[in-house]
Amino acid sequence: MSHDLVCWKCGADLSALSLPLSRRDECRKCGADLHVCRMCSDYDQHVAKKCREPIAEEVCDKTRANFCDYFAPRPGAYVAKDTSSVEAARSELERLFGPKS
């Protein structure tokens, strides 16, 4: 079965794994658990309990493997960190003080 899932933590390709994901599946690159809220299609930071599924039991740690029966992996779970402000600050420091030796 072909799919376009990537790790929620590092963005590594997970196409080698078969669906459905097991509770014990881990990312081969970073070792992160994959059957986690952060990788679920119902995960939403802007709703109560960060889950759109109204009858799912609440999971406290959204980054650890769980037994949720409503888990459905979402392809866009990885969100790259915005480092533009860090890079801008670093460039400004190098402009003022010169490059790091």
C-alpha atoms as a PDB file:
ATOM      1  CA  MET A   1       0.000   0.000   0.000  1.00  0.00           C
ATOM      2  CA  SER A   2       1.514   3.294  -1.079  1.00  0.00           C
ATOM      3  CA  HIS A   3       1.179   6.423   1.056  1.00  0.00           C
ATOM      4  CA  ASP A   4       2.930   9.749   1.493  1.00  0.00           C
ATOM      5  CA  LEU A   5       3.366   9.854   5.269  1.00  0.00           C
ATOM      6  CA  VAL A   6       6.333  11.558   6.896  1.00  0.00           C
ATOM      7  CA  CYS A   7       7.506  11.558  10.506  1.00  0.00           C
ATOM      8  CA  TRP A   8       5.777  14.227  12.601  1.00  0.00           C
ATOM      9  CA  LYS A   9       9.056  15.045  14.385  1.00  0.00           C
ATOM     10  CA  CYS A  10      11.795  15.054  11.712  1.00  0.00           C
ATOM     11  CA  GLY A  11       9.984  14.843   8.360  1.00  0.00           C
ATOM     12  CA  ALA A  12      11.579  11.531   7.316  1.00  0.00           C
ATOM     13  CA  ASP A  13       9.764   9.499   4.640  1.00  0.00           C
ATOM     14  CA  LEU A  14       7.658   6.664   6.100  1.00  0.00           C
ATOM     15  CA  SER A  15       6.599   5.019   2.845  1.00  0.00           C
ATOM     16  CA  ALA A  16       8.435   1.810   3.805  1.00  0.00           C
ATOM     17  CA  LEU A  17       5.959   1.242   6.649  1.00  0.00           C
ATOM     18  CA  SER A  18       2.671  -0.501   5.965  1.00  0.00           C
ATOM     19  CA  LEU A  19      -0.686   0.814   7.102  1.00  0.00           C
ATOM     20  CA  PRO A  20      -2.297   0.752   9.560  1.00  0.00           C
ATOM     21  CA  LEU A  21       0.530   1.981  11.755  1.00  0.00           C
ATOM     22  CA  SER A  22       1.169  -0.152  14.803  1.00  0.00           C
ATOM     23  CA  ARG A  23       1.349   1.356  18.275  1.00  0.00           C
ATOM     24  CA  ARG A  24       4.997   0.251  18.335  1.00  0.00           C
ATOM     25  CA  ASP A  25       6.042   1.768  14.993  1.00  0.00           C
ATOM     26  CA  GLU A  26       8.912   4.233  15.243  1.00  0.00           C
ATOM     27  CA  CYS A  27      10.656   6.552  12.818  1.00  0.00           C
ATOM     28  CA  ARG A  28      13.810   4.874  11.514  1.00  0.00           C
ATOM     29  CA  LYS A  29      15.612   8.220  11.364  1.00  0.00           C
ATOM     30  CA  CYS A  30      14.857   9.868  14.740  1.00  0.00           C
ATOM     31  CA  GLY A  31      13.242   7.048  16.755  1.00  0.00           C
ATOM     32  CA  ALA A  32      10.020   8.999  17.436  1.00  0.00           C
ATOM     33  CA  ASP A  33       6.827   7.073  18.160  1.00  0.00           C
ATOM     34  CA  LEU A  34       4.426   7.265  15.206  1.00  0.00           C
ATOM     35  CA  HIS A  35       1.055   6.218  16.681  1.00  0.00           C
ATOM     36  CA  VAL A  36       0.805   9.584  18.443  1.00  0.00           C
ATOM     37  CA  CYS A  37      -1.718  12.424  18.587  1.00  0.00           C
ATOM     38  CA  ARG A  38       0.653  14.805  16.784  1.00  0.00           C
ATOM     39  CA  MET A  39       0.500  12.533  13.744  1.00  0.00           C
ATOM     40  CA  CYS A  40      -3.278  12.038  13.767  1.00  0.00           C
ATOM     41  CA  SER A  41      -5.737  13.658  11.372  1.00  0.00           C
ATOM     42  CA  ASP A  42      -7.884  14.705  14.369  1.00  0.00           C
ATOM     43  CA  TYR A  43      -5.026  16.571  16.113  1.00  0.00           C
ATOM     44  CA  ASP A  44      -5.744  20.299  16.291  1.00  0.00           C
ATOM     45  CA  GLN A  45      -3.983  22.720  18.631  1.00  0.00           C
ATOM     46  CA  HIS A  46      -6.930  25.123  18.469  1.00  0.00           C
ATOM     47  CA  VAL A  47      -9.629  22.898  19.997  1.00  0.00           C
ATOM     48  CA  ALA A  48     -10.241  21.508  23.472  1.00  0.00           C
ATOM     49  CA  LYS A  49      -7.937  18.621  24.385  1.00  0.00           C
ATOM     50  CA  LYS A  50      -6.231  19.267  20.999  1.00  0.00           C
ATOM     51  CA  CYS A  51      -8.462  16.628  19.412  1.00  0.00           C
ATOM     52  CA  ARG A  52     -11.414  17.056  17.047  1.00  0.00           C
ATOM     53  CA  GLU A  53     -12.772  13.576  17.861  1.00  0.00           C
ATOM     54  CA  PRO A  54     -15.447  14.309  20.514  1.00  0.00           C
ATOM     55  CA  ILE A  55     -15.618  10.860  22.102  1.00  0.00           C
ATOM     56  CA  ALA A  56     -11.924   9.940  22.128  1.00  0.00           C
ATOM     57  CA  GLU A  57     -10.312   9.579  25.526  1.00  0.00           C
ATOM     58  CA  GLU A  58      -7.956  12.430  26.362  1.00  0.00           C
ATOM     59  CA  VAL A  59      -4.259  11.700  25.904  1.00  0.00           C
ATOM     60  CA  CYS A  60      -1.970  13.865  28.040  1.00  0.00           C
ATOM     61  CA  ASP A  61       1.303  13.463  26.133  1.00  0.00           C
ATOM     62  CA  LYS A  62       0.581  14.087  22.459  1.00  0.00           C
ATOM     63  CA  THR A  63       4.069  12.905  21.417  1.00  0.00           C
ATOM     64  CA  ARG A  64       4.072   9.409  22.968  1.00  0.00           C
ATOM     65  CA  ALA A  65       2.513   6.252  21.573  1.00  0.00           C
ATOM     66  CA  ASN A  66      -1.083   5.640  22.667  1.00  0.00           C
ATOM     67  CA  PHE A  67      -3.951   3.210  22.197  1.00  0.00           C
ATOM     68  CA  CYS A  68      -6.495   5.608  20.642  1.00  0.00           C
ATOM     69  CA  ASP A  69      -8.930   3.693  18.434  1.00  0.00           C
ATOM     70  CA  TYR A  70      -9.661   6.825  16.373  1.00  0.00           C
ATOM     71  CA  PHE A  71      -6.053   7.299  15.229  1.00  0.00           C
ATOM     72  CA  ALA A  72      -5.732   8.034  11.499  1.00  0.00           C
ATOM     73  CA  PRO A  73      -2.297   9.186  10.308  1.00  0.00           C
ATOM     74  CA  ARG A  74      -2.154  12.470   8.412  1.00  0.00           C
ATOM     75  CA  PRO A  75       0.343  13.131   5.626  1.00  0.00           C
ATOM     76  CA  GLY A  76       1.100  16.756   6.610  1.00  0.00           C
ATOM     77  CA  ALA A  77       1.993  16.080  10.233  1.00  0.00           C
ATOM     78  CA  TYR A  78       5.539  17.476   9.950  1.00  0.00           C
ATOM     79  CA  VAL A  79       5.850  21.229  10.247  1.00  0.00           C
ATOM     80  CA  ALA A  80       9.354  22.607   9.786  1.00  0.00           C
ATOM     81  CA  LYS A  81      10.419  25.096  12.426  1.00  0.00           C
ATOM     82  CA  ASP A  82      10.562  28.716  11.312  1.00  0.00           C
ATOM     83  CA  THR A  83      14.215  29.696  11.699  1.00  0.00           C
ATOM     84  CA  SER A  84      14.057  32.941   9.732  1.00  0.00           C
ATOM     85  CA  SER A  85      14.225  35.149  12.841  1.00  0.00           C
ATOM     86  CA  VAL A  86      17.221  33.210  14.166  1.00  0.00           C
ATOM     87  CA  GLU A  87      19.018  33.518  10.827  1.00  0.00           C
ATOM     88  CA  ALA A  88      18.252  37.245  10.657  1.00  0.00           C
ATOM     89  CA  ALA A  89      19.653  37.786  14.147  1.00  0.00           C
ATOM     90  CA  ARG A  90      22.762  35.752  13.316  1.00  0.00           C
ATOM     91  CA  SER A  91      23.326  37.763  10.137  1.00  0.00           C
ATOM     92  CA  GLU A  92      22.972  41.023  12.041  1.00  0.00           C
ATOM     93  CA  LEU A  93      25.493  39.867  14.679  1.00  0.00           C
ATOM     94  CA  GLU A  94      27.968  38.866  11.977  1.00  0.00           C
ATOM     95  CA  ARG A  95      27.483  42.239  10.301  1.00  0.00           C
ATOM     96  CA  LEU A  96      28.215  44.042  13.597  1.00  0.00           C
ATOM     97  CA  PHE A  97      31.005  41.861  14.976  1.00  0.00           C
ATOM     98  CA  GLY A  98      32.299  39.946  11.984  1.00  0.00           C
ATOM     99  CA  PRO A  99      32.010  36.214  11.254  1.00  0.00           C
ATOM    100  CA  LYS A 100      32.561  33.688  14.031  1.00  0.00           C
ATOM    101  CA  SER A 101      36.157  32.491  13.964  1.00  0.00           C
END
